[in-house]
Each structure stands twice: as C-alpha cells, then as structure tokens.
Amino acid sequence: MTRDEMRIGDAERDAVMVALHDHFAAGRLDRGELDERMDAVLSAKTHGDLRPLVRDLPAPTGLPEPEKQAPAAVPWGPGAAVMFGGPMNPAWRHHARHMGHGHDRHMARGRHRHGPFPAFPLLLGVFLVLAFTAGPGAGLFAVLQIALAVWVVRAVLLAFGVRRSRRST
C-alpha cells in the first residue's frame, strides 16, 4: 500500500486546512479557491485526495514531507575522522609531512628524530612506585590524573594550533 492510498484522520485534515488558511492570508488563494479547497479537504479520505489540493502551493502544505533516504553510515565520515584522529585530523597533515620522502635523507645526515613522548613507560613507573608505597588504588588514581592532565594540555594545544618547535642540527 502506498502512502497516497493510506486513510487520513482529523489531524491530517486540520493540518492541511491550517496551511490553506496561511496561504489565503499570504494572498496565494482567493476566497472562492479557499472555500472550494476546504470543502475538498473535509471530504478527503486518503493522502492521495489531499495531495492535489496543495500541489501548486509552496511549503508548508500541511502534508508530511516525503521520507528521504538516510545516507549510509560511514564509520569514518568527516566529523568522526576529525574528532577521533582519523585521516581528516590536522595531526595527519603534520605526520604526513614528516614521514614523506625526506625522512630517510634526514636520518642519513645524522638528524635523529625523537619518537613520541614515552608516556606509557613513565605512567607504568609512576604506578609501580605508588602501588608498592601507597597502595594500588593510589597508584591507579595518580596515573589516571596524570593521563587526564596530559590529554587536556594536548587537546588545548591542538585546539589553538600550537605546534612543538623542532630544533635543526
């Protein structure tokens, strides 16, 4: 059964009548056209009976909008990619610039590129020291606080576009 064959109720008729009154107030319909269409609305039984009555009028017509096909969900669409560090994230441009063809050449000339900050070994060390001195709960709590602080600082720096300066040797 198509939408035009579906029966309508008072709510649908009322919505179309309100829209017709609005179009009359805007000057799109004269009094005779309004009366003629109102009589047709009151005797309409299906969506198909209402559609021709408002076909020549701009939205809103009182009829529900046709359902649009939702775009397929893309797990790494532009928004998610930027937010979660995917290929559209500004950090990738920085990464691609430093991992390009010149990377091997810089290593050959004696420039040593330092890797990322060794956060995991440092946090593991803090946890182990605190776990054996103050207890595992205190160690875990301290590690989580440090990780949160580092994450907040990195997020602020990324938000304001601050980049670490690189020394040339």
N, C-alpha and C. Protein backbone atom coordinates (compact mmCIF):
# COMPACT_ATOMS: atom_id res chain seq x y z
N MET A 1 0.84 -1.17 0.00
CA MET A 1 0.00 0.00 0.00
C MET A 1 0.89 1.24 0.00
N THR A 2 0.65 2.15 -0.92
CA THR A 2 1.44 3.37 -1.00
C THR A 2 0.91 4.39 -0.01
N ARG A 3 1.67 5.43 0.21
CA ARG A 3 1.27 6.47 1.16
C ARG A 3 -0.01 7.17 0.69
N ASP A 4 -0.17 7.37 -0.62
CA ASP A 4 -1.36 8.04 -1.14
C ASP A 4 -2.63 7.23 -0.91
N GLU A 5 -2.52 5.91 -0.73
CA GLU A 5 -3.68 5.07 -0.51
C GLU A 5 -4.05 4.96 0.97
N MET A 6 -3.19 5.49 1.84
CA MET A 6 -3.45 5.39 3.28
C MET A 6 -4.53 6.39 3.70
N ARG A 7 -5.41 5.95 4.57
CA ARG A 7 -6.50 6.81 5.05
C ARG A 7 -5.95 7.86 6.00
N ILE A 8 -6.66 8.98 6.07
CA ILE A 8 -6.24 10.07 6.92
C ILE A 8 -7.25 10.29 8.03
N GLY A 9 -6.83 11.03 9.02
CA GLY A 9 -7.71 11.34 10.14
C GLY A 9 -7.90 12.85 10.26
N ASP A 10 -8.53 13.25 11.35
CA ASP A 10 -8.81 14.67 11.57
C ASP A 10 -7.54 15.49 11.69
N ALA A 11 -6.49 14.93 12.28
CA ALA A 11 -5.24 15.69 12.46
C ALA A 11 -4.65 16.08 11.10
N GLU A 12 -4.64 15.15 10.14
CA GLU A 12 -4.11 15.46 8.81
C GLU A 12 -4.97 16.50 8.11
N ARG A 13 -6.30 16.36 8.21
CA ARG A 13 -7.20 17.35 7.60
C ARG A 13 -6.99 18.72 8.21
N ASP A 14 -6.87 18.77 9.54
CA ASP A 14 -6.66 20.06 10.21
C ASP A 14 -5.35 20.71 9.78
N ALA A 15 -4.30 19.92 9.63
CA ALA A 15 -3.00 20.48 9.23
C ALA A 15 -3.09 21.10 7.84
N VAL A 16 -3.78 20.43 6.92
CA VAL A 16 -3.92 20.97 5.56
C VAL A 16 -4.81 22.21 5.58
N MET A 17 -5.85 22.22 6.40
CA MET A 17 -6.73 23.40 6.48
C MET A 17 -5.97 24.61 7.04
N VAL A 18 -5.12 24.39 8.03
CA VAL A 18 -4.32 25.48 8.57
C VAL A 18 -3.38 26.02 7.50
N ALA A 19 -2.75 25.12 6.76
CA ALA A 19 -1.84 25.55 5.69
C ALA A 19 -2.60 26.33 4.62
N LEU A 20 -3.81 25.89 4.26
CA LEU A 20 -4.61 26.62 3.26
C LEU A 20 -4.98 28.02 3.78
N HIS A 21 -5.31 28.12 5.05
CA HIS A 21 -5.62 29.44 5.64
C HIS A 21 -4.38 30.34 5.59
N ASP A 22 -3.21 29.78 5.87
CA ASP A 22 -1.97 30.57 5.82
C ASP A 22 -1.71 31.07 4.40
N HIS A 23 -1.93 30.21 3.41
CA HIS A 23 -1.71 30.62 2.02
C HIS A 23 -2.76 31.65 1.59
N PHE A 24 -3.98 31.55 2.11
CA PHE A 24 -5.01 32.55 1.84
C PHE A 24 -4.58 33.90 2.43
N ALA A 25 -4.05 33.87 3.67
CA ALA A 25 -3.60 35.10 4.32
C ALA A 25 -2.41 35.71 3.59
N ALA A 26 -1.58 34.87 2.96
CA ALA A 26 -0.43 35.37 2.20
C ALA A 26 -0.83 35.87 0.82
N GLY A 27 -2.10 35.68 0.43
CA GLY A 27 -2.57 36.17 -0.86
C GLY A 27 -2.39 35.19 -2.01
N ARG A 28 -2.04 33.96 -1.72
CA ARG A 28 -1.86 32.97 -2.78
C ARG A 28 -3.19 32.38 -3.25
N LEU A 29 -4.20 32.45 -2.40
CA LEU A 29 -5.53 31.93 -2.74
C LEU A 29 -6.55 33.04 -2.53
N ASP A 30 -7.58 33.05 -3.40
CA ASP A 30 -8.68 33.99 -3.13
C ASP A 30 -9.75 33.25 -2.33
N ARG A 31 -10.80 33.97 -1.93
CA ARG A 31 -11.81 33.40 -1.05
C ARG A 31 -12.53 32.21 -1.70
N GLY A 32 -12.83 32.29 -2.96
CA GLY A 32 -13.51 31.20 -3.66
C GLY A 32 -12.66 29.93 -3.71
N GLU A 33 -11.36 30.09 -4.03
CA GLU A 33 -10.46 28.93 -4.06
C GLU A 33 -10.34 28.31 -2.67
N LEU A 34 -10.24 29.16 -1.66
CA LEU A 34 -10.11 28.64 -0.30
C LEU A 34 -11.34 27.82 0.07
N ASP A 35 -12.55 28.34 -0.19
CA ASP A 35 -13.77 27.60 0.14
C ASP A 35 -13.86 26.29 -0.61
N GLU A 36 -13.50 26.31 -1.88
CA GLU A 36 -13.55 25.09 -2.70
C GLU A 36 -12.58 24.03 -2.17
N ARG A 37 -11.36 24.46 -1.83
CA ARG A 37 -10.36 23.51 -1.34
C ARG A 37 -10.72 23.02 0.07
N MET A 38 -11.30 23.88 0.89
CA MET A 38 -11.69 23.46 2.23
C MET A 38 -12.76 22.39 2.18
N ASP A 39 -13.72 22.55 1.27
CA ASP A 39 -14.76 21.51 1.12
C ASP A 39 -14.13 20.19 0.69
N ALA A 40 -13.16 20.26 -0.21
CA ALA A 40 -12.49 19.04 -0.68
C ALA A 40 -11.68 18.39 0.45
N VAL A 41 -11.05 19.22 1.29
CA VAL A 41 -10.28 18.69 2.42
C VAL A 41 -11.21 17.96 3.38
N LEU A 42 -12.35 18.54 3.66
CA LEU A 42 -13.28 17.92 4.61
C LEU A 42 -13.84 16.60 4.09
N SER A 43 -13.90 16.43 2.77
CA SER A 43 -14.42 15.17 2.23
C SER A 43 -13.30 14.19 1.85
N ALA A 44 -12.03 14.57 2.04
CA ALA A 44 -10.90 13.70 1.68
C ALA A 44 -10.84 12.50 2.61
N LYS A 45 -10.47 11.36 2.04
CA LYS A 45 -10.36 10.13 2.82
C LYS A 45 -8.93 9.57 2.87
N THR A 46 -8.09 9.93 1.86
CA THR A 46 -6.72 9.40 1.80
C THR A 46 -5.74 10.55 1.57
N HIS A 47 -4.46 10.23 1.75
CA HIS A 47 -3.42 11.22 1.45
C HIS A 47 -3.46 11.62 -0.02
N GLY A 48 -3.80 10.68 -0.87
CA GLY A 48 -3.90 10.96 -2.30
C GLY A 48 -4.99 11.97 -2.62
N ASP A 49 -6.04 12.03 -1.80
CA ASP A 49 -7.09 13.03 -2.00
C ASP A 49 -6.61 14.43 -1.62
N LEU A 50 -5.69 14.53 -0.67
CA LEU A 50 -5.21 15.83 -0.21
C LEU A 50 -4.10 16.40 -1.09
N ARG A 51 -3.28 15.53 -1.64
CA ARG A 51 -2.10 15.99 -2.39
C ARG A 51 -2.45 16.95 -3.53
N PRO A 52 -3.46 16.69 -4.38
CA PRO A 52 -3.75 17.63 -5.47
C PRO A 52 -4.25 19.00 -4.98
N LEU A 53 -4.77 19.05 -3.77
CA LEU A 53 -5.30 20.30 -3.24
C LEU A 53 -4.21 21.30 -2.86
N VAL A 54 -3.01 20.79 -2.59
CA VAL A 54 -1.92 21.67 -2.17
C VAL A 54 -0.71 21.58 -3.10
N ARG A 55 -0.85 20.86 -4.21
CA ARG A 55 0.27 20.63 -5.11
C ARG A 55 0.87 21.93 -5.64
N ASP A 56 0.04 22.94 -5.93
CA ASP A 56 0.53 24.18 -6.53
C ASP A 56 0.94 25.22 -5.49
N LEU A 57 1.00 24.84 -4.23
CA LEU A 57 1.35 25.77 -3.16
C LEU A 57 2.74 25.44 -2.60
N PRO A 58 3.49 26.46 -2.20
CA PRO A 58 4.81 26.18 -1.60
C PRO A 58 4.65 25.62 -0.18
N ALA A 59 5.71 25.05 0.32
CA ALA A 59 5.71 24.51 1.68
C ALA A 59 5.55 25.65 2.67
N PRO A 60 4.92 25.42 3.77
CA PRO A 60 4.32 24.20 4.28
C PRO A 60 2.93 23.99 3.71
N THR A 61 2.63 22.74 3.43
CA THR A 61 1.33 22.39 2.86
C THR A 61 0.45 21.65 3.85
N GLY A 62 1.00 21.27 4.98
CA GLY A 62 0.23 20.51 5.95
C GLY A 62 0.39 19.02 5.76
N LEU A 63 0.92 18.61 4.62
CA LEU A 63 1.18 17.19 4.38
C LEU A 63 2.58 16.86 4.89
N PRO A 64 2.77 15.64 5.36
CA PRO A 64 4.12 15.27 5.80
C PRO A 64 5.07 15.26 4.61
N GLU A 65 6.31 15.66 4.88
CA GLU A 65 7.34 15.65 3.85
C GLU A 65 7.63 14.22 3.44
N PRO A 66 7.93 14.00 2.15
CA PRO A 66 8.30 12.63 1.76
C PRO A 66 9.56 12.20 2.49
N GLU A 67 9.58 10.95 2.88
CA GLU A 67 10.72 10.44 3.63
C GLU A 67 11.94 10.38 2.74
N LYS A 68 13.03 10.98 3.24
CA LYS A 68 14.28 10.97 2.49
C LYS A 68 15.10 9.77 2.92
N GLN A 69 15.85 9.23 1.98
CA GLN A 69 16.73 8.12 2.30
C GLN A 69 17.88 8.64 3.14
N ALA A 70 18.11 8.03 4.27
CA ALA A 70 19.22 8.42 5.12
C ALA A 70 20.52 7.98 4.46
N PRO A 71 21.54 8.83 4.49
CA PRO A 71 22.82 8.42 3.91
C PRO A 71 23.39 7.24 4.69
N ALA A 72 24.10 6.41 4.00
CA ALA A 72 24.70 5.24 4.64
C ALA A 72 25.67 5.70 5.72
N ALA A 73 25.65 5.03 6.83
CA ALA A 73 26.54 5.40 7.93
C ALA A 73 27.97 5.05 7.56
N VAL A 74 28.83 6.05 7.61
CA VAL A 74 30.24 5.86 7.31
C VAL A 74 30.98 5.96 8.64
N PRO A 75 31.62 4.89 9.07
CA PRO A 75 32.24 4.93 10.38
C PRO A 75 33.30 6.01 10.51
N TRP A 76 33.97 6.37 9.42
CA TRP A 76 34.99 7.42 9.48
C TRP A 76 34.61 8.56 8.57
N GLY A 77 33.37 9.07 8.72
CA GLY A 77 32.95 10.25 7.97
C GLY A 77 33.76 11.45 8.42
N PRO A 78 33.61 12.57 7.76
CA PRO A 78 34.44 13.73 8.06
C PRO A 78 34.39 14.16 9.52
N GLY A 79 33.21 14.18 10.15
CA GLY A 79 33.13 14.63 11.53
C GLY A 79 33.85 13.70 12.48
N ALA A 80 33.59 12.41 12.35
CA ALA A 80 34.21 11.44 13.24
C ALA A 80 35.71 11.38 13.03
N ALA A 81 36.14 11.53 11.78
CA ALA A 81 37.57 11.44 11.50
C ALA A 81 38.33 12.59 12.15
N VAL A 82 37.77 13.77 12.11
CA VAL A 82 38.45 14.91 12.72
C VAL A 82 38.42 14.77 14.24
N MET A 83 37.28 14.34 14.77
CA MET A 83 37.14 14.28 16.21
C MET A 83 38.02 13.20 16.83
N PHE A 84 38.09 12.03 16.21
CA PHE A 84 38.79 10.91 16.82
C PHE A 84 40.16 10.65 16.22
N GLY A 85 40.70 11.56 15.48
CA GLY A 85 42.06 11.41 15.00
C GLY A 85 42.19 10.61 13.73
N GLY A 86 41.15 10.57 12.91
CA GLY A 86 41.22 9.86 11.65
C GLY A 86 41.98 10.64 10.60
N PRO A 87 41.89 10.24 9.33
CA PRO A 87 42.68 10.85 8.26
C PRO A 87 42.41 12.34 8.04
N MET A 88 41.26 12.86 8.45
CA MET A 88 40.99 14.28 8.25
C MET A 88 41.50 15.15 9.40
N ASN A 89 42.03 14.55 10.44
CA ASN A 89 42.52 15.28 11.59
C ASN A 89 43.74 16.10 11.18
N PRO A 90 43.88 17.34 11.68
CA PRO A 90 45.04 18.17 11.33
C PRO A 90 46.36 17.52 11.69
N ALA A 91 46.39 16.65 12.67
CA ALA A 91 47.64 15.99 13.05
C ALA A 91 48.16 15.09 11.93
N TRP A 92 47.29 14.59 11.07
CA TRP A 92 47.74 13.72 9.99
C TRP A 92 48.55 14.49 8.96
N ARG A 93 48.18 15.76 8.70
CA ARG A 93 48.96 16.55 7.75
C ARG A 93 50.37 16.71 8.28
N HIS A 94 50.49 16.96 9.57
CA HIS A 94 51.80 17.11 10.20
C HIS A 94 52.58 15.79 10.10
N HIS A 95 51.90 14.70 10.37
CA HIS A 95 52.52 13.38 10.31
C HIS A 95 52.99 13.06 8.89
N ALA A 96 52.13 13.32 7.90
CA ALA A 96 52.48 13.01 6.51
C ALA A 96 53.66 13.85 6.04
N ARG A 97 53.75 15.08 6.52
CA ARG A 97 54.84 15.96 6.10
C ARG A 97 56.17 15.42 6.61
N HIS A 98 56.18 14.85 7.80
CA HIS A 98 57.43 14.37 8.37
C HIS A 98 57.74 12.93 8.03
N MET A 99 56.78 12.21 7.49
CA MET A 99 57.02 10.82 7.15
C MET A 99 57.17 10.63 5.64
N GLY A 100 57.33 11.72 4.92
CA GLY A 100 57.43 11.64 3.47
C GLY A 100 58.80 11.16 3.01
N HIS A 101 59.14 11.51 1.77
CA HIS A 101 60.38 11.03 1.17
C HIS A 101 61.64 11.54 1.87
N GLY A 102 61.57 12.71 2.47
CA GLY A 102 62.75 13.29 3.09
C GLY A 102 63.13 12.65 4.40
N HIS A 103 62.31 11.78 4.94
CA HIS A 103 62.58 11.19 6.25
C HIS A 103 63.88 10.40 6.25
N ASP A 104 64.11 9.56 5.28
CA ASP A 104 65.33 8.75 5.23
C ASP A 104 66.55 9.63 5.04
N ARG A 105 66.40 10.69 4.25
CA ARG A 105 67.52 11.58 3.98
C ARG A 105 67.97 12.26 5.27
N HIS A 106 67.01 12.69 6.11
CA HIS A 106 67.38 13.35 7.36
C HIS A 106 68.07 12.37 8.29
N MET A 107 67.65 11.14 8.30
CA MET A 107 68.28 10.15 9.17
C MET A 107 69.69 9.87 8.71
N ALA A 108 69.94 9.92 7.41
CA ALA A 108 71.26 9.63 6.87
C ALA A 108 72.25 10.74 7.23
N ARG A 109 71.77 11.97 7.36
CA ARG A 109 72.65 13.10 7.67
C ARG A 109 72.94 13.22 9.16
N GLY A 110 72.44 12.33 9.93
CA GLY A 110 72.75 12.37 11.35
C GLY A 110 71.68 13.02 12.20
N ARG A 111 70.59 13.45 11.61
CA ARG A 111 69.50 14.01 12.41
C ARG A 111 68.68 12.86 12.96
N HIS A 112 68.57 12.84 14.23
CA HIS A 112 67.80 11.77 14.84
C HIS A 112 66.45 12.33 15.26
N ARG A 113 65.46 11.75 14.73
CA ARG A 113 64.11 12.18 15.06
C ARG A 113 63.69 11.47 16.33
N HIS A 114 63.32 12.25 17.31
CA HIS A 114 62.88 11.67 18.57
C HIS A 114 61.47 11.16 18.40
N GLY A 115 61.19 10.03 18.97
CA GLY A 115 59.87 9.44 18.89
C GLY A 115 58.89 10.20 19.78
N PRO A 116 57.71 9.69 19.88
CA PRO A 116 56.73 10.36 20.74
C PRO A 116 57.15 10.28 22.19
N PHE A 117 56.60 11.14 22.98
CA PHE A 117 56.89 11.16 24.41
C PHE A 117 56.56 9.80 25.00
N PRO A 118 57.48 9.20 25.73
CA PRO A 118 57.26 7.85 26.25
C PRO A 118 56.29 7.84 27.43
N ALA A 119 55.04 8.08 27.15
CA ALA A 119 54.04 8.20 28.22
C ALA A 119 53.79 6.88 28.92
N PHE A 120 53.69 5.81 28.18
CA PHE A 120 53.35 4.53 28.81
C PHE A 120 54.41 4.07 29.81
N PRO A 121 55.68 4.05 29.43
CA PRO A 121 56.68 3.62 30.43
C PRO A 121 56.72 4.54 31.65
N LEU A 122 56.53 5.85 31.42
CA LEU A 122 56.54 6.78 32.55
C LEU A 122 55.35 6.53 33.48
N LEU A 123 54.17 6.36 32.90
CA LEU A 123 52.98 6.10 33.72
C LEU A 123 53.08 4.75 34.43
N LEU A 124 53.64 3.77 33.76
CA LEU A 124 53.84 2.46 34.39
C LEU A 124 54.78 2.59 35.58
N GLY A 125 55.85 3.35 35.41
CA GLY A 125 56.79 3.56 36.52
C GLY A 125 56.13 4.25 37.69
N VAL A 126 55.35 5.29 37.42
CA VAL A 126 54.65 6.00 38.49
C VAL A 126 53.70 5.04 39.21
N PHE A 127 52.97 4.25 38.42
CA PHE A 127 52.03 3.31 39.03
C PHE A 127 52.75 2.31 39.93
N LEU A 128 53.85 1.74 39.42
CA LEU A 128 54.56 0.73 40.21
C LEU A 128 55.12 1.31 41.51
N VAL A 129 55.70 2.52 41.42
CA VAL A 129 56.26 3.13 42.62
C VAL A 129 55.16 3.38 43.64
N LEU A 130 54.04 3.98 43.18
CA LEU A 130 52.96 4.28 44.12
C LEU A 130 52.24 3.02 44.59
N ALA A 131 52.16 2.02 43.75
CA ALA A 131 51.48 0.79 44.14
C ALA A 131 52.21 0.10 45.28
N PHE A 132 53.55 0.14 45.25
CA PHE A 132 54.32 -0.52 46.30
C PHE A 132 54.50 0.35 47.54
N THR A 133 54.29 1.67 47.40
CA THR A 133 54.47 2.53 48.57
C THR A 133 53.13 2.92 49.19
N ALA A 134 52.18 3.37 48.39
CA ALA A 134 50.92 3.87 48.94
C ALA A 134 49.75 2.94 48.66
N GLY A 135 49.94 1.95 47.85
CA GLY A 135 48.86 1.01 47.54
C GLY A 135 48.42 1.13 46.08
N PRO A 136 47.85 0.04 45.54
CA PRO A 136 47.49 0.05 44.12
C PRO A 136 46.38 1.05 43.78
N GLY A 137 45.47 1.32 44.71
CA GLY A 137 44.41 2.30 44.44
C GLY A 137 44.98 3.69 44.23
N ALA A 138 45.91 4.07 45.10
CA ALA A 138 46.54 5.39 44.98
C ALA A 138 47.36 5.48 43.70
N GLY A 139 48.02 4.38 43.34
CA GLY A 139 48.81 4.38 42.11
C GLY A 139 47.94 4.55 40.88
N LEU A 140 46.83 3.81 40.84
CA LEU A 140 45.92 3.92 39.70
C LEU A 140 45.32 5.31 39.62
N PHE A 141 44.92 5.87 40.76
CA PHE A 141 44.34 7.21 40.79
C PHE A 141 45.33 8.25 40.29
N ALA A 142 46.57 8.16 40.72
CA ALA A 142 47.60 9.12 40.29
C ALA A 142 47.87 9.00 38.80
N VAL A 143 47.93 7.78 38.28
CA VAL A 143 48.17 7.58 36.85
C VAL A 143 47.02 8.16 36.04
N LEU A 144 45.79 7.95 36.48
CA LEU A 144 44.65 8.50 35.76
C LEU A 144 44.66 10.02 35.78
N GLN A 145 45.04 10.62 36.89
CA GLN A 145 45.12 12.08 36.97
C GLN A 145 46.20 12.62 36.03
N ILE A 146 47.34 11.99 36.00
CA ILE A 146 48.42 12.43 35.11
C ILE A 146 47.99 12.29 33.65
N ALA A 147 47.38 11.15 33.31
CA ALA A 147 46.94 10.94 31.93
C ALA A 147 45.89 11.98 31.54
N LEU A 148 44.97 12.30 32.43
CA LEU A 148 43.95 13.32 32.14
C LEU A 148 44.59 14.68 31.93
N ALA A 149 45.55 15.04 32.76
CA ALA A 149 46.21 16.33 32.62
C ALA A 149 46.95 16.43 31.29
N VAL A 150 47.67 15.37 30.92
CA VAL A 150 48.39 15.36 29.64
C VAL A 150 47.41 15.46 28.49
N TRP A 151 46.30 14.73 28.56
CA TRP A 151 45.30 14.76 27.50
C TRP A 151 44.68 16.15 27.35
N VAL A 152 44.37 16.81 28.47
CA VAL A 152 43.78 18.15 28.41
C VAL A 152 44.77 19.14 27.81
N VAL A 153 46.03 19.09 28.21
CA VAL A 153 47.03 20.01 27.67
C VAL A 153 47.18 19.78 26.16
N ARG A 154 47.25 18.53 25.73
CA ARG A 154 47.38 18.25 24.29
C ARG A 154 46.16 18.72 23.52
N ALA A 155 44.96 18.55 24.09
CA ALA A 155 43.74 19.00 23.42
C ALA A 155 43.72 20.51 23.27
N VAL A 156 44.13 21.22 24.31
CA VAL A 156 44.17 22.69 24.24
C VAL A 156 45.19 23.14 23.20
N LEU A 157 46.36 22.53 23.21
CA LEU A 157 47.39 22.89 22.24
C LEU A 157 46.92 22.62 20.81
N LEU A 158 46.27 21.50 20.60
CA LEU A 158 45.76 21.18 19.26
C LEU A 158 44.66 22.14 18.86
N ALA A 159 43.80 22.51 19.81
CA ALA A 159 42.70 23.42 19.50
C ALA A 159 43.22 24.79 19.09
N PHE A 160 44.30 25.25 19.69
CA PHE A 160 44.83 26.56 19.36
C PHE A 160 45.94 26.50 18.32
N GLY A 161 46.21 25.34 17.78
CA GLY A 161 47.17 25.20 16.69
C GLY A 161 48.61 25.36 17.11
N VAL A 162 48.93 25.15 18.37
CA VAL A 162 50.30 25.29 18.83
C VAL A 162 51.05 24.02 18.45
N ARG A 163 52.18 24.19 17.82
CA ARG A 163 53.00 23.04 17.42
C ARG A 163 54.31 23.08 18.20
N ARG A 164 54.83 21.91 18.44
CA ARG A 164 56.14 21.85 19.08
C ARG A 164 57.18 22.31 18.08
N SER A 165 58.12 23.11 18.55
CA SER A 165 59.19 23.56 17.63
C SER A 165 60.22 22.44 17.53
N ARG A 166 60.79 22.32 16.37
CA ARG A 166 61.81 21.29 16.12
C ARG A 166 63.15 21.98 15.96
N ARG A 167 64.15 21.45 16.65
CA ARG A 167 65.50 22.03 16.54
C ARG A 167 66.18 21.49 15.30
N SER A 168 66.88 22.35 14.59
CA SER A 168 67.68 21.91 13.44
C SER A 168 69.11 21.70 13.92
N THR A 169 69.73 20.63 13.49
CA THR A 169 71.12 20.40 13.90
C THR A 169 72.02 20.48 12.71
